All heavy atoms as atom14 arrays in JSON, in Angstrom:
{
  "sequence": "REDHIAPWRTIYRGMQALGGERRFVLSGAGHVAGIVNPPGIGKY",
  "atom14_mask": [
    [1, 1, 1, 1, 1, 1, 1, 1, 1, 1, 1, 0, 0, 0],
    [1, 1, 1, 1, 1, 1, 1, 1, 1, 0, 0, 0, 0, 0],
    [1, 1, 1, 1, 1, 1, 1, 1, 0, 0, 0, 0, 0, 0],
    [1, 1, 1, 1, 1, 1, 1, 1, 1, 1, 0, 0, 0, 0],
    [1, 1, 1, 1, 1, 1, 1, 1, 0, 0, 0, 0, 0, 0],
    [1, 1, 1, 1, 1, 0, 0, 0, 0, 0, 0, 0, 0, 0],
    [1, 1, 1, 1, 1, 1, 1, 0, 0, 0, 0, 0, 0, 0],
    [1, 1, 1, 1, 1, 1, 1, 1, 1, 1, 1, 1, 1, 1],
    [1, 1, 1, 1, 1, 1, 1, 1, 1, 1, 1, 0, 0, 0],
    [1, 1, 1, 1, 1, 1, 1, 0, 0, 0, 0, 0, 0, 0],
    [1, 1, 1, 1, 1, 1, 1, 1, 0, 0, 0, 0, 0, 0],
    [1, 1, 1, 1, 1, 1, 1, 1, 1, 1, 1, 1, 0, 0],
    [1, 1, 1, 1, 1, 1, 1, 1, 1, 1, 1, 0, 0, 0],
    [1, 1, 1, 1, 0, 0, 0, 0, 0, 0, 0, 0, 0, 0],
    [1, 1, 1, 1, 1, 1, 1, 1, 0, 0, 0, 0, 0, 0],
    [1, 1, 1, 1, 1, 1, 1, 1, 1, 0, 0, 0, 0, 0],
    [1, 1, 1, 1, 1, 0, 0, 0, 0, 0, 0, 0, 0, 0],
    [1, 1, 1, 1, 1, 1, 1, 1, 0, 0, 0, 0, 0, 0],
    [1, 1, 1, 1, 0, 0, 0, 0, 0, 0, 0, 0, 0, 0],
    [1, 1, 1, 1, 0, 0, 0, 0, 0, 0, 0, 0, 0, 0],
    [1, 1, 1, 1, 1, 1, 1, 1, 1, 0, 0, 0, 0, 0],
    [1, 1, 1, 1, 1, 1, 1, 1, 1, 1, 1, 0, 0, 0],
    [1, 1, 1, 1, 1, 1, 1, 1, 1, 1, 1, 0, 0, 0],
    [1, 1, 1, 1, 1, 1, 1, 1, 1, 1, 1, 0, 0, 0],
    [1, 1, 1, 1, 1, 1, 1, 0, 0, 0, 0, 0, 0, 0],
    [1, 1, 1, 1, 1, 1, 1, 1, 0, 0, 0, 0, 0, 0],
    [1, 1, 1, 1, 1, 1, 0, 0, 0, 0, 0, 0, 0, 0],
    [1, 1, 1, 1, 0, 0, 0, 0, 0, 0, 0, 0, 0, 0],
    [1, 1, 1, 1, 1, 0, 0, 0, 0, 0, 0, 0, 0, 0],
    [1, 1, 1, 1, 0, 0, 0, 0, 0, 0, 0, 0, 0, 0],
    [1, 1, 1, 1, 1, 1, 1, 1, 1, 1, 0, 0, 0, 0],
    [1, 1, 1, 1, 1, 1, 1, 0, 0, 0, 0, 0, 0, 0],
    [1, 1, 1, 1, 1, 0, 0, 0, 0, 0, 0, 0, 0, 0],
    [1, 1, 1, 1, 0, 0, 0, 0, 0, 0, 0, 0, 0, 0],
    [1, 1, 1, 1, 1, 1, 1, 1, 0, 0, 0, 0, 0, 0],
    [1, 1, 1, 1, 1, 1, 1, 0, 0, 0, 0, 0, 0, 0],
    [1, 1, 1, 1, 1, 1, 1, 1, 0, 0, 0, 0, 0, 0],
    [1, 1, 1, 1, 1, 1, 1, 0, 0, 0, 0, 0, 0, 0],
    [1, 1, 1, 1, 1, 1, 1, 0, 0, 0, 0, 0, 0, 0],
    [1, 1, 1, 1, 0, 0, 0, 0, 0, 0, 0, 0, 0, 0],
    [1, 1, 1, 1, 1, 1, 1, 1, 0, 0, 0, 0, 0, 0],
    [1, 1, 1, 1, 0, 0, 0, 0, 0, 0, 0, 0, 0, 0],
    [1, 1, 1, 1, 1, 1, 1, 1, 1, 0, 0, 0, 0, 0],
    [1, 1, 1, 1, 1, 1, 1, 1, 1, 1, 1, 1, 0, 0]
  ],
  "atom14_positions": [
    [[0.66, 0.87, 6.26], [0.74, 1.9, 7.31], [-0.62, 2.4, 7.78], [-0.79, 2.79, 8.93], [1.6, 3.07, 6.79], [2.05, 4.03, 7.9], [3.26, 4.81, 7.51], [3.88, 5.49, 8.64], [5.06, 6.1, 8.58], [5.79, 6.02, 7.44], [5.56, 6.74, 9.59], [0.0, 0.0, 0.0], [0.0, 0.0, 0.0], [0.0, 0.0, 0.0]],
    [[-1.6, 2.41, 6.89], [-2.91, 2.96, 7.23], [-3.97, 1.86, 7.34], [-5.19, 2.11, 7.17], [-3.35, 3.99, 6.18], [-2.38, 5.17, 6.1], [-2.73, 6.11, 4.92], [-3.87, 6.05, 4.42], [-1.85, 6.84, 4.51], [0.0, 0.0, 0.0], [0.0, 0.0, 0.0], [0.0, 0.0, 0.0], [0.0, 0.0, 0.0], [0.0, 0.0, 0.0]],
    [[-3.53, 0.65, 7.67], [-4.46, -0.5, 7.72], [-5.42, -0.35, 8.92], [-4.98, -0.22, 10.04], [-3.66, -1.77, 7.86], [-4.45, -3.01, 7.5], [-5.65, -3.0, 7.69], [-3.85, -3.98, 7.0], [0.0, 0.0, 0.0], [0.0, 0.0, 0.0], [0.0, 0.0, 0.0], [0.0, 0.0, 0.0], [0.0, 0.0, 0.0], [0.0, 0.0, 0.0]],
    [[-6.71, -0.37, 8.63], [-7.73, -0.25, 9.69], [-8.27, -1.62, 10.07], [-9.1, -1.7, 10.96], [-8.86, 0.65, 9.24], [-9.59, 0.13, 8.01], [-8.99, 0.07, 6.78], [-10.84, -0.37, 7.89], [-9.87, -0.47, 5.93], [-11.03, -0.71, 6.54], [0.0, 0.0, 0.0], [0.0, 0.0, 0.0], [0.0, 0.0, 0.0], [0.0, 0.0, 0.0]],
    [[-7.81, -2.66, 9.43], [-8.26, -4.03, 9.72], [-7.16, -4.81, 10.45], [-7.44, -5.54, 11.44], [-8.68, -4.76, 8.45], [-9.92, -4.06, 7.85], [-9.02, -6.19, 8.7], [-10.3, -4.57, 6.45], [0.0, 0.0, 0.0], [0.0, 0.0, 0.0], [0.0, 0.0, 0.0], [0.0, 0.0, 0.0], [0.0, 0.0, 0.0], [0.0, 0.0, 0.0]],
    [[-5.97, -4.69, 9.97], [-4.82, -5.39, 10.62], [-3.73, -4.32, 10.86], [-2.86, -4.08, 10.04], [-4.25, -6.49, 9.69], [0.0, 0.0, 0.0], [0.0, 0.0, 0.0], [0.0, 0.0, 0.0], [0.0, 0.0, 0.0], [0.0, 0.0, 0.0], [0.0, 0.0, 0.0], [0.0, 0.0, 0.0], [0.0, 0.0, 0.0], [0.0, 0.0, 0.0]],
    [[-3.77, -3.65, 12.05], [-2.81, -2.57, 12.32], [-1.35, -3.05, 12.21], [-1.02, -4.16, 12.66], [-3.16, -2.19, 13.76], [-4.6, -2.61, 13.94], [-4.74, -3.86, 13.16], [0.0, 0.0, 0.0], [0.0, 0.0, 0.0], [0.0, 0.0, 0.0], [0.0, 0.0, 0.0], [0.0, 0.0, 0.0], [0.0, 0.0, 0.0], [0.0, 0.0, 0.0]],
    [[-0.53, -2.22, 11.65], [0.82, -2.66, 11.34], [1.61, -2.98, 12.58], [2.46, -3.9, 12.54], [1.56, -1.64, 10.44], [2.11, -0.43, 11.13], [1.52, 0.81, 11.27], [3.37, -0.33, 11.77], [2.34, 1.7, 11.94], [3.52, 1.0, 12.25], [4.43, -1.16, 11.97], [4.62, 1.47, 12.93], [5.6, -0.7, 12.65], [5.65, 0.6, 13.1]],
    [[1.41, -2.25, 13.66], [2.14, -2.55, 14.9], [1.78, -3.91, 15.45], [2.58, -4.61, 16.0], [1.9, -1.45, 15.93], [2.48, -0.1, 15.53], [2.02, 1.04, 16.44], [2.57, 2.28, 16.03], [2.05, 3.06, 15.07], [0.94, 2.69, 14.45], [2.59, 4.24, 14.74], [0.0, 0.0, 0.0], [0.0, 0.0, 0.0], [0.0, 0.0, 0.0]],
    [[0.49, -4.3, 15.3], [0.08, -5.61, 15.75], [0.69, -6.68, 14.84], [1.04, -7.77, 15.37], [-1.47, -5.69, 15.68], [-2.02, -4.61, 16.43], [-1.95, -7.0, 16.27], [0.0, 0.0, 0.0], [0.0, 0.0, 0.0], [0.0, 0.0, 0.0], [0.0, 0.0, 0.0], [0.0, 0.0, 0.0], [0.0, 0.0, 0.0], [0.0, 0.0, 0.0]],
    [[0.78, -6.44, 13.54], [1.44, -7.39, 12.68], [2.91, -7.59, 13.05], [3.46, -8.69, 13.07], [1.29, -6.92, 11.22], [-0.17, -6.94, 10.79], [2.19, -7.77, 10.29], [-0.37, -6.38, 9.38], [0.0, 0.0, 0.0], [0.0, 0.0, 0.0], [0.0, 0.0, 0.0], [0.0, 0.0, 0.0], [0.0, 0.0, 0.0], [0.0, 0.0, 0.0]],
    [[3.54, -6.48, 13.47], [4.93, -6.52, 13.93], [5.05, -7.43, 15.14], [5.98, -8.25, 15.22], [5.42, -5.14, 14.24], [6.92, -5.04, 14.43], [7.76, -4.72, 13.35], [7.5, -5.23, 15.68], [9.14, -4.63, 13.52], [8.89, -5.14, 15.86], [9.7, -4.83, 14.74], [11.04, -4.74, 14.93], [0.0, 0.0, 0.0], [0.0, 0.0, 0.0]],
    [[4.11, -7.33, 16.06], [4.11, -8.2, 17.25], [4.0, -9.67, 16.87], [4.68, -10.52, 17.38], [2.95, -7.81, 18.21], [3.03, -6.38, 18.71], [4.09, -6.19, 19.72], [4.03, -4.87, 20.35], [5.04, -4.3, 21.01], [6.17, -4.95, 21.18], [4.86, -3.1, 21.55], [0.0, 0.0, 0.0], [0.0, 0.0, 0.0], [0.0, 0.0, 0.0]],
    [[3.14, -9.93, 15.9], [2.97, -11.33, 15.5], [4.2, -11.87, 14.82], [4.49, -13.05, 14.98], [0.0, 0.0, 0.0], [0.0, 0.0, 0.0], [0.0, 0.0, 0.0], [0.0, 0.0, 0.0], [0.0, 0.0, 0.0], [0.0, 0.0, 0.0], [0.0, 0.0, 0.0], [0.0, 0.0, 0.0], [0.0, 0.0, 0.0], [0.0, 0.0, 0.0]],
    [[4.9, -11.05, 14.05], [6.12, -11.5, 13.44], [7.11, -12.01, 14.49], [7.85, -13.02, 14.27], [6.75, -10.33, 12.71], [8.17, -10.62, 12.14], [9.1, -9.12, 11.81], [9.28, -8.45, 13.44], [0.0, 0.0, 0.0], [0.0, 0.0, 0.0], [0.0, 0.0, 0.0], [0.0, 0.0, 0.0], [0.0, 0.0, 0.0], [0.0, 0.0, 0.0]],
    [[7.14, -11.4, 15.66], [8.08, -11.76, 16.68], [7.82, -13.14, 17.3], [8.65, -13.67, 18.0], [8.11, -10.69, 17.8], [8.62, -9.34, 17.31], [8.4, -8.23, 18.32], [7.39, -8.15, 18.98], [9.42, -7.36, 18.46], [0.0, 0.0, 0.0], [0.0, 0.0, 0.0], [0.0, 0.0, 0.0], [0.0, 0.0, 0.0], [0.0, 0.0, 0.0]],
    [[6.61, -13.69, 17.05], [6.3, -14.99, 17.6], [7.0, -16.15, 16.86], [7.15, -17.21, 17.39], [4.78, -15.21, 17.57], [0.0, 0.0, 0.0], [0.0, 0.0, 0.0], [0.0, 0.0, 0.0], [0.0, 0.0, 0.0], [0.0, 0.0, 0.0], [0.0, 0.0, 0.0], [0.0, 0.0, 0.0], [0.0, 0.0, 0.0], [0.0, 0.0, 0.0]],
    [[7.4, -15.91, 15.59], [8.06, -16.94, 14.81], [9.51, -17.08, 15.21], [10.15, -16.15, 15.69], [7.94, -16.66, 13.3], [6.52, -16.56, 12.74], [6.57, -16.44, 11.23], [5.69, -17.76, 13.17], [0.0, 0.0, 0.0], [0.0, 0.0, 0.0], [0.0, 0.0, 0.0], [0.0, 0.0, 0.0], [0.0, 0.0, 0.0], [0.0, 0.0, 0.0]],
    [[10.09, -18.28, 14.92], [11.42, -18.53, 15.42], [12.54, -18.45, 14.41], [13.72, -18.54, 14.75], [0.0, 0.0, 0.0], [0.0, 0.0, 0.0], [0.0, 0.0, 0.0], [0.0, 0.0, 0.0], [0.0, 0.0, 0.0], [0.0, 0.0, 0.0], [0.0, 0.0, 0.0], [0.0, 0.0, 0.0], [0.0, 0.0, 0.0], [0.0, 0.0, 0.0]],
    [[12.23, -18.24, 13.12], [13.26, -18.26, 12.1], [13.67, -16.88, 11.63], [13.43, -15.85, 12.25], [0.0, 0.0, 0.0], [0.0, 0.0, 0.0], [0.0, 0.0, 0.0], [0.0, 0.0, 0.0], [0.0, 0.0, 0.0], [0.0, 0.0, 0.0], [0.0, 0.0, 0.0], [0.0, 0.0, 0.0], [0.0, 0.0, 0.0], [0.0, 0.0, 0.0]],
    [[14.35, -16.85, 10.47], [14.72, -15.57, 9.86], [13.51, -14.84, 9.39], [12.56, -15.4, 8.8], [15.66, -15.89, 8.67], [15.92, -14.68, 7.76], [16.4, -15.09, 6.39], [17.03, -16.15, 6.27], [16.12, -14.3, 5.42], [0.0, 0.0, 0.0], [0.0, 0.0, 0.0], [0.0, 0.0, 0.0], [0.0, 0.0, 0.0], [0.0, 0.0, 0.0]],
    [[13.48, -13.51, 9.65], [12.26, -12.74, 9.35], [12.65, -11.43, 8.67], [13.67, -10.88, 8.99], [11.42, -12.46, 10.63], [10.84, -13.71, 11.26], [10.66, -13.51, 12.78], [11.87, -13.28, 13.44], [12.01, -12.93, 14.72], [10.93, -12.75, 15.42], [13.19, -12.75, 15.25], [0.0, 0.0, 0.0], [0.0, 0.0, 0.0], [0.0, 0.0, 0.0]],
    [[11.79, -10.97, 7.82], [11.94, -9.66, 7.19], [10.59, -8.95, 7.32], [9.54, -9.51, 7.02], [12.34, -9.76, 5.73], [12.49, -8.38, 5.01], [13.12, -8.52, 3.68], [13.22, -7.25, 2.96], [14.19, -6.31, 3.18], [15.08, -6.53, 4.15], [14.18, -5.21, 2.5], [0.0, 0.0, 0.0], [0.0, 0.0, 0.0], [0.0, 0.0, 0.0]],
    [[10.67, -7.67, 7.79], [9.44, -6.9, 7.94], [9.49, -5.66, 7.03], [10.48, -4.93, 7.03], [9.29, -6.43, 9.41], [7.97, -5.8, 9.71], [6.87, -6.57, 10.04], [7.77, -4.41, 9.6], [5.63, -5.99, 10.34], [6.55, -3.8, 9.9], [5.47, -4.62, 10.24], [0.0, 0.0, 0.0], [0.0, 0.0, 0.0], [0.0, 0.0, 0.0]],
    [[8.47, -5.44, 6.27], [8.36, -4.34, 5.33], [7.03, -3.62, 5.57], [5.98, -4.27, 5.74], [8.46, -4.82, 3.86], [8.25, -3.69, 2.88], [9.82, -5.47, 3.63], [0.0, 0.0, 0.0], [0.0, 0.0, 0.0], [0.0, 0.0, 0.0], [0.0, 0.0, 0.0], [0.0, 0.0, 0.0], [0.0, 0.0, 0.0], [0.0, 0.0, 0.0]],
    [[7.08, -2.32, 5.53], [5.88, -1.49, 5.77], [5.57, -0.76, 4.48], [6.37, 0.05, 4.0], [6.08, -0.52, 6.89], [4.87, 0.34, 7.31], [3.75, -0.53, 7.82], [5.32, 1.35, 8.39], [0.0, 0.0, 0.0], [0.0, 0.0, 0.0], [0.0, 0.0, 0.0], [0.0, 0.0, 0.0], [0.0, 0.0, 0.0], [0.0, 0.0, 0.0]],
    [[4.37, -0.98, 3.96], [3.94, -0.3, 2.7], [3.06, 0.88, 3.04], [2.49, 0.94, 4.1], [3.2, -1.29, 1.79], [2.65, -0.63, 0.69], [0.0, 0.0, 0.0], [0.0, 0.0, 0.0], [0.0, 0.0, 0.0], [0.0, 0.0, 0.0], [0.0, 0.0, 0.0], [0.0, 0.0, 0.0], [0.0, 0.0, 0.0], [0.0, 0.0, 0.0]],
    [[2.97, 1.8, 2.11], [2.02, 2.9, 2.25], [0.61, 2.42, 2.01], [0.39, 1.27, 1.65], [0.0, 0.0, 0.0], [0.0, 0.0, 0.0], [0.0, 0.0, 0.0], [0.0, 0.0, 0.0], [0.0, 0.0, 0.0], [0.0, 0.0, 0.0], [0.0, 0.0, 0.0], [0.0, 0.0, 0.0], [0.0, 0.0, 0.0], [0.0, 0.0, 0.0]],
    [[-0.37, 3.3, 2.24], [-1.79, 3.05, 2.02], [-2.36, 2.06, 3.01], [-1.79, 1.89, 4.13], [-2.03, 2.6, 0.59], [0.0, 0.0, 0.0], [0.0, 0.0, 0.0], [0.0, 0.0, 0.0], [0.0, 0.0, 0.0], [0.0, 0.0, 0.0], [0.0, 0.0, 0.0], [0.0, 0.0, 0.0], [0.0, 0.0, 0.0], [0.0, 0.0, 0.0]],
    [[-3.46, 1.38, 2.65], [-4.2, 0.55, 3.61], [-4.22, -0.89, 3.26], [-3.45, -1.39, 2.48], [0.0, 0.0, 0.0], [0.0, 0.0, 0.0], [0.0, 0.0, 0.0], [0.0, 0.0, 0.0], [0.0, 0.0, 0.0], [0.0, 0.0, 0.0], [0.0, 0.0, 0.0], [0.0, 0.0, 0.0], [0.0, 0.0, 0.0], [0.0, 0.0, 0.0]],
    [[-5.25, -1.54, 3.87], [-5.34, -3.03, 3.85], [-5.41, -3.58, 2.43], [-4.94, -4.73, 2.21], [-6.56, -3.47, 4.63], [-6.63, -4.91, 4.95], [-5.85, -5.51, 5.92], [-7.39, -5.91, 4.43], [-6.13, -6.79, 5.97], [-7.04, -7.04, 5.07], [0.0, 0.0, 0.0], [0.0, 0.0, 0.0], [0.0, 0.0, 0.0], [0.0, 0.0, 0.0]],
    [[-5.98, -2.9, 1.5], [-6.12, -3.42, 0.15], [-5.22, -2.68, -0.84], [-4.39, -3.29, -1.53], [-7.56, -3.33, -0.31], [-7.69, -3.8, -1.78], [-8.47, -4.19, 0.58], [0.0, 0.0, 0.0], [0.0, 0.0, 0.0], [0.0, 0.0, 0.0], [0.0, 0.0, 0.0], [0.0, 0.0, 0.0], [0.0, 0.0, 0.0], [0.0, 0.0, 0.0]],
    [[-5.32, -1.31, -0.84], [-4.51, -0.54, -1.8], [-3.03, -0.7, -1.57], [-2.22, -0.63, -2.52], [-4.92, 0.94, -1.7], [0.0, 0.0, 0.0], [0.0, 0.0, 0.0], [0.0, 0.0, 0.0], [0.0, 0.0, 0.0], [0.0, 0.0, 0.0], [0.0, 0.0, 0.0], [0.0, 0.0, 0.0], [0.0, 0.0, 0.0], [0.0, 0.0, 0.0]],
    [[-2.61, -0.9, -0.31], [-1.19, -1.08, -0.03], [-0.69, -2.42, -0.49], [0.53, -2.6, -0.72], [0.0, 0.0, 0.0], [0.0, 0.0, 0.0], [0.0, 0.0, 0.0], [0.0, 0.0, 0.0], [0.0, 0.0, 0.0], [0.0, 0.0, 0.0], [0.0, 0.0, 0.0], [0.0, 0.0, 0.0], [0.0, 0.0, 0.0], [0.0, 0.0, 0.0]],
    [[-1.54, -3.42, -0.66], [-1.17, -4.74, -1.16], [-1.19, -4.74, -2.68], [-0.26, -5.17, -3.36], [-2.14, -5.82, -0.6], [-2.11, -5.79, 0.91], [-1.74, -7.21, -1.13], [-0.79, -6.09, 1.53], [0.0, 0.0, 0.0], [0.0, 0.0, 0.0], [0.0, 0.0, 0.0], [0.0, 0.0, 0.0], [0.0, 0.0, 0.0], [0.0, 0.0, 0.0]],
    [[-2.28, -4.21, -3.24], [-2.43, -4.22, -4.71], [-1.74, -2.92, -5.23], [-2.37, -1.94, -5.58], [-3.9, -4.26, -5.12], [-4.03, -4.34, -6.62], [-4.61, -5.43, -4.47], [0.0, 0.0, 0.0], [0.0, 0.0, 0.0], [0.0, 0.0, 0.0], [0.0, 0.0, 0.0], [0.0, 0.0, 0.0], [0.0, 0.0, 0.0], [0.0, 0.0, 0.0]],
    [[-0.42, -2.98, -5.26], [0.39, -1.8, -5.57], [1.52, -2.23, -6.47], [2.67, -2.37, -6.08], [0.95, -1.2, -4.25], [1.78, 0.04, -4.49], [1.52, 0.8, -5.41], [2.79, 0.27, -3.68], [0.0, 0.0, 0.0], [0.0, 0.0, 0.0], [0.0, 0.0, 0.0], [0.0, 0.0, 0.0], [0.0, 0.0, 0.0], [0.0, 0.0, 0.0]],
    [[1.23, -2.41, -7.75], [2.18, -3.02, -8.67], [3.32, -2.07, -9.04], [3.18, -0.86, -8.92], [1.31, -3.3, -9.92], [0.23, -2.34, -9.86], [-0.13, -2.16, -8.39], [0.0, 0.0, 0.0], [0.0, 0.0, 0.0], [0.0, 0.0, 0.0], [0.0, 0.0, 0.0], [0.0, 0.0, 0.0], [0.0, 0.0, 0.0], [0.0, 0.0, 0.0]],
    [[4.47, -2.62, -9.43], [5.56, -1.79, -9.89], [5.18, -1.0, -11.13], [4.29, -1.39, -11.88], [6.68, -2.85, -10.22], [6.28, -4.05, -9.47], [4.79, -4.06, -9.42], [0.0, 0.0, 0.0], [0.0, 0.0, 0.0], [0.0, 0.0, 0.0], [0.0, 0.0, 0.0], [0.0, 0.0, 0.0], [0.0, 0.0, 0.0], [0.0, 0.0, 0.0]],
    [[5.82, 0.17, -11.29], [5.57, 0.94, -12.45], [4.55, 2.06, -12.25], [4.57, 3.1, -12.93], [0.0, 0.0, 0.0], [0.0, 0.0, 0.0], [0.0, 0.0, 0.0], [0.0, 0.0, 0.0], [0.0, 0.0, 0.0], [0.0, 0.0, 0.0], [0.0, 0.0, 0.0], [0.0, 0.0, 0.0], [0.0, 0.0, 0.0], [0.0, 0.0, 0.0]],
    [[3.64, 1.89, -11.27], [2.64, 2.92, -10.99], [3.25, 4.0, -10.1], [2.96, 5.19, -10.29], [1.41, 2.29, -10.36], [0.69, 1.38, -11.34], [0.45, 3.37, -9.88], [-0.53, 0.72, -10.83], [0.0, 0.0, 0.0], [0.0, 0.0, 0.0], [0.0, 0.0, 0.0], [0.0, 0.0, 0.0], [0.0, 0.0, 0.0], [0.0, 0.0, 0.0]],
    [[4.04, 3.61, -9.15], [4.72, 4.59, -8.28], [3.78, 5.3, -7.34], [4.1, 6.42, -6.92], [0.0, 0.0, 0.0], [0.0, 0.0, 0.0], [0.0, 0.0, 0.0], [0.0, 0.0, 0.0], [0.0, 0.0, 0.0], [0.0, 0.0, 0.0], [0.0, 0.0, 0.0], [0.0, 0.0, 0.0], [0.0, 0.0, 0.0], [0.0, 0.0, 0.0]],
    [[2.67, 4.68, -6.99], [1.66, 5.36, -6.18], [2.08, 5.36, -4.7], [1.98, 6.39, -4.02], [0.31, 4.74, -6.34], [-0.82, 5.58, -5.8], [-2.16, 5.01, -6.21], [-3.3, 5.94, -5.74], [-4.63, 5.38, -6.15], [0.0, 0.0, 0.0], [0.0, 0.0, 0.0], [0.0, 0.0, 0.0], [0.0, 0.0, 0.0], [0.0, 0.0, 0.0]],
    [[2.51, 4.23, -4.18], [2.92, 4.15, -2.8], [4.29, 3.5, -2.69], [4.63, 2.57, -3.4], [1.91, 3.24, -2.0], [0.48, 3.65, -2.16], [-0.41, 2.8, -2.87], [-0.01, 4.82, -1.65], [-1.76, 3.16, -2.98], [-1.33, 5.2, -1.79], [-2.19, 4.35, -2.47], [-3.51, 4.74, -2.62], [0.0, 0.0, 0.0], [0.0, 0.0, 0.0]]
  ]
}
């Protein structure tokens, strides 16, 4: 949600370019912390 490198709305647009089944999920935090967010910590 707070990505300053790959804005989430732009990622959503890119998803629409593919032709198959798609799932879109929005995580909290930013470009790195939102990805490295393991279960059990409950941070985001």
